Amino acid sequence: MIAIIAILAAMLLPALSKARNVAQRIACVNNLKQVGTVFLFYTNDYNDWMPPRWYAGDSLTWYNRFEKAGYIMFKRDYKWLYCHSYVTPEQQAEVDQFPTATNGSMYIYGMRDILEFRKMADILRSKDRAYSVPKKRDWFSDTKLKDRPLQDYWYYPDEGDGHTVHLRHMRTVNQWFLDGHLESRTLQALLAAHTYAKYTF
């Protein structure tokens, strides 16, 4: 009987693990959708001006700006500003106790590395190779710091050092695009859009 139970467990565990991973990916997609919706609300209300990931003029990050403008309350809404599948129990305990913008930047979705206000219409019409086709217009993403097991609030889509996209969901990365759609991108799809993308698994 014990041997039969062990065999059944061995057969079921991979399926249960896959189901858990799928559920985590779906939860992450839903969180990213809320982030993208707030981004679109802000852009619409501010005459098509998109916020940068950080702006030197006032030192506000994208999520600080959303809070200052009244679109989110950080302590209330923080639960959907990051991917829960890539936070250790210790980090989660820290987040639950101190959900502030200071440590929040280390456990939060990454916004594309833009350091100035840009009109969305200009990006959508741009001939710049960085934005020239829809598949290149990912704007929020699962991220990871290069040498630490932490998410971060910005990333380089094509190249750079330190802040990369993270293919954490069964070797796919969840990304939100300027046209409002989301994708769980495979590495092949990511590199088709950004040939020199920096990434980690």
Protein backbone atom coordinates (compact mmCIF):
# COMPACT_ATOMS: atom_id res chain seq x y z
CA MET A 1 0.00 0.00 0.00
CA ILE A 2 2.79 2.41 0.91
CA ALA A 3 4.53 1.65 -2.37
CA ILE A 4 1.33 2.36 -4.31
CA ILE A 5 0.88 5.70 -2.53
CA ALA A 6 4.49 6.62 -3.28
CA ILE A 7 3.99 5.81 -6.97
CA LEU A 8 0.78 7.83 -7.13
CA ALA A 9 2.46 10.76 -5.39
CA ALA A 10 5.35 10.64 -7.85
CA MET A 11 2.86 10.72 -10.72
CA LEU A 12 0.77 13.56 -9.29
CA LEU A 13 3.47 15.91 -8.03
CA PRO A 14 4.63 17.13 -11.47
CA ALA A 15 1.03 17.86 -12.48
CA LEU A 16 0.39 19.71 -9.21
CA SER A 17 3.60 21.71 -9.63
CA LYS A 18 2.63 22.68 -13.16
CA ALA A 19 -0.86 23.69 -12.03
CA ARG A 20 0.65 25.86 -9.28
CA ASN A 21 3.01 27.53 -11.77
CA VAL A 22 0.14 28.23 -14.17
CA ALA A 23 -1.89 29.75 -11.33
CA GLN A 24 1.06 31.98 -10.37
CA ARG A 25 1.48 33.14 -13.95
CA ILE A 26 -2.22 33.97 -14.23
CA ALA A 27 -2.13 35.90 -10.93
CA CYS A 28 0.88 37.85 -12.19
CA VAL A 29 -0.91 38.66 -15.47
CA ASN A 30 -3.89 39.99 -13.53
CA ASN A 31 -1.62 42.18 -11.40
CA LEU A 32 0.17 43.55 -14.47
CA LYS A 33 -3.18 44.29 -16.07
CA GLN A 34 -4.08 46.52 -13.12
CA VAL A 35 -0.72 48.32 -13.35
CA GLY A 36 -1.26 48.89 -17.07
CA THR A 37 -4.80 50.14 -16.52
CA VAL A 38 -3.61 52.75 -14.03
CA PHE A 39 -0.88 53.77 -16.48
CA LEU A 40 -3.49 54.32 -19.20
CA PHE A 41 -5.75 56.27 -16.82
CA TYR A 42 -2.85 58.56 -15.92
CA THR A 43 -1.84 59.02 -19.57
CA ASN A 44 -5.41 59.81 -20.61
CA ASP A 45 -5.93 62.29 -17.78
CA TYR A 46 -2.64 64.07 -18.49
CA ASN A 47 -3.31 64.77 -22.17
CA ASP A 48 -1.46 61.72 -23.52
CA TRP A 49 1.73 62.35 -21.51
CA MET A 50 3.19 59.09 -20.21
CA PRO A 51 5.11 59.15 -16.92
CA PRO A 52 8.80 58.17 -16.94
CA ARG A 53 10.06 55.37 -14.73
CA TRP A 54 11.92 58.11 -12.78
CA TYR A 55 12.20 61.84 -13.37
CA ALA A 56 15.14 63.95 -12.22
CA GLY A 57 12.99 67.07 -11.94
CA ASP A 58 11.10 65.79 -8.90
CA SER A 59 12.80 62.43 -8.15
CA LEU A 60 9.50 60.56 -8.43
CA THR A 61 9.39 56.97 -9.63
CA TRP A 62 6.42 55.84 -11.73
CA TYR A 63 4.64 54.34 -8.72
CA ASN A 64 5.41 57.37 -6.52
CA ARG A 65 3.86 59.53 -9.22
CA PHE A 66 0.74 57.37 -9.39
CA GLU A 67 0.33 57.69 -5.64
CA LYS A 68 0.97 61.46 -5.57
CA ALA A 69 -1.60 61.93 -8.35
CA GLY A 70 -4.16 59.91 -6.40
CA TYR A 71 -4.37 56.84 -8.62
CA ILE A 72 -3.14 54.40 -5.99
CA MET A 73 -2.58 54.24 -2.26
CA PHE A 74 0.70 52.41 -1.93
CA LYS A 75 0.03 50.59 1.34
CA ARG A 76 -3.42 49.52 0.16
CA ASP A 77 -2.59 48.63 -3.44
CA TYR A 78 0.92 47.26 -3.10
CA LYS A 79 -0.33 43.67 -3.30
CA TRP A 80 -0.91 44.00 -7.06
CA LEU A 81 2.19 46.03 -7.85
CA TYR A 82 4.54 43.03 -7.80
CA CYS A 83 4.78 39.37 -8.81
CA HIS A 84 4.09 37.21 -5.76
CA SER A 85 5.80 34.16 -7.24
CA TYR A 86 9.24 35.74 -6.93
CA VAL A 87 9.30 36.84 -3.31
CA THR A 88 10.81 34.74 -0.55
CA PRO A 89 8.85 34.24 2.71
CA GLU A 90 11.32 36.56 4.43
CA GLN A 91 10.84 39.25 1.81
CA GLN A 92 7.06 38.82 1.97
CA ALA A 93 7.14 39.32 5.74
CA GLU A 94 9.12 42.54 5.20
CA VAL A 95 6.66 43.72 2.56
CA ASP A 96 3.67 42.97 4.79
CA GLN A 97 5.19 44.84 7.72
CA PHE A 98 6.67 47.81 5.83
CA PRO A 99 4.90 48.29 2.47
CA THR A 100 6.60 51.58 1.70
CA ALA A 101 7.95 53.09 -1.48
CA THR A 102 11.50 52.72 -0.15
CA ASN A 103 11.71 48.96 0.01
CA GLY A 104 8.90 48.62 -2.49
CA SER A 105 11.20 49.41 -5.40
CA MET A 106 12.94 46.11 -4.73
CA TYR A 107 9.77 44.03 -5.02
CA ILE A 108 7.82 45.64 -7.83
CA TYR A 109 7.14 45.36 -11.56
CA GLY A 110 9.64 47.03 -13.81
CA MET A 111 8.78 49.89 -16.14
CA ARG A 112 10.72 50.48 -19.33
CA ASP A 113 13.79 52.66 -18.84
CA ILE A 114 12.38 56.04 -19.90
CA LEU A 115 13.62 59.11 -18.04
CA GLU A 116 11.42 61.80 -19.55
CA PHE A 117 7.75 62.45 -20.15
CA ARG A 118 6.73 61.22 -23.60
CA LYS A 119 3.50 61.51 -25.58
CA MET A 120 2.04 58.09 -26.25
CA ALA A 121 1.00 59.15 -29.75
CA ASP A 122 4.60 60.06 -30.52
CA ILE A 123 5.80 56.63 -29.42
CA LEU A 124 3.13 54.88 -31.48
CA ARG A 125 4.12 56.89 -34.57
CA SER A 126 7.84 56.68 -33.95
CA LYS A 127 10.19 55.30 -36.59
CA ASP A 128 12.81 54.71 -33.91
CA ARG A 129 13.75 51.03 -34.03
CA ALA A 130 13.14 50.79 -30.29
CA TYR A 131 9.40 51.41 -30.76
CA SER A 132 8.79 50.97 -34.49
CA VAL A 133 6.53 47.90 -34.26
CA PRO A 134 3.99 46.78 -31.60
CA LYS A 135 6.08 43.84 -30.38
CA LYS A 136 8.79 46.31 -29.30
CA ARG A 137 6.42 48.38 -27.14
CA ASP A 138 6.50 46.34 -23.95
CA TRP A 139 6.28 48.84 -21.10
CA PHE A 140 5.96 46.84 -17.86
CA SER A 141 7.61 43.51 -17.18
CA ASP A 142 8.69 40.85 -14.74
CA THR A 143 12.19 41.95 -13.77
CA LYS A 144 15.22 40.86 -11.79
CA LEU A 145 18.38 42.53 -10.56
CA LYS A 146 21.49 41.02 -12.10
CA ASP A 147 23.16 39.67 -8.96
CA ARG A 148 20.37 39.62 -6.38
CA PRO A 149 17.07 37.69 -6.12
CA LEU A 150 14.99 40.85 -6.25
CA GLN A 151 12.52 42.43 -8.62
CA ASP A 152 13.05 46.08 -9.49
CA TYR A 153 10.99 49.01 -10.73
CA TRP A 154 12.66 49.48 -14.13
CA TYR A 155 14.42 47.52 -16.84
CA TYR A 156 16.33 47.85 -20.09
CA PRO A 157 14.33 46.24 -22.91
CA ASP A 158 17.25 45.81 -25.31
CA GLU A 159 20.57 45.99 -23.54
CA GLY A 160 22.13 47.24 -20.37
CA ASP A 161 23.51 45.91 -17.14
CA GLY A 162 21.84 45.08 -13.87
CA HIS A 163 18.10 45.29 -14.60
CA THR A 164 16.79 42.57 -16.88
CA VAL A 165 13.56 40.88 -17.84
CA HIS A 166 13.01 37.68 -15.89
CA LEU A 167 11.51 34.58 -17.52
CA ARG A 168 10.26 33.24 -14.21
CA HIS A 169 6.95 31.70 -15.26
CA MET A 170 7.83 28.32 -16.77
CA ARG A 171 10.53 30.06 -18.84
CA THR A 172 8.22 32.85 -19.98
CA VAL A 173 8.08 36.52 -18.97
CA ASN A 174 4.86 38.43 -18.39
CA GLN A 175 4.82 41.82 -20.13
CA TRP A 176 2.27 44.60 -20.61
CA PHE A 177 2.25 46.58 -23.87
CA LEU A 178 1.26 50.14 -24.73
CA ASP A 179 -1.77 48.99 -26.70
CA GLY A 180 -3.12 47.43 -23.48
CA HIS A 181 -2.53 43.75 -24.19
CA LEU A 182 -0.42 41.34 -22.16
CA GLU A 183 1.79 38.47 -23.20
CA SER A 184 3.57 35.62 -21.48
CA ARG A 185 6.58 35.75 -23.79
CA THR A 186 8.89 32.88 -24.52
CA LEU A 187 12.58 33.59 -24.96
CA GLN A 188 12.16 33.18 -28.70
CA ALA A 189 9.40 35.81 -28.80
CA LEU A 190 11.40 38.16 -26.57
CA LEU A 191 14.48 37.98 -28.80
CA ALA A 192 12.35 38.43 -31.91
CA ALA A 193 11.37 41.83 -30.51
CA HIS A 194 14.62 42.76 -28.76
CA THR A 195 17.58 41.06 -30.40
CA TYR A 196 20.01 42.12 -27.70
CA ALA A 197 17.69 41.73 -24.74
CA LYS A 198 19.30 41.01 -21.38
CA TYR A 199 17.36 38.30 -19.57
CA THR A 200 17.55 35.72 -16.82
CA PHE A 201 15.64 32.57 -15.92
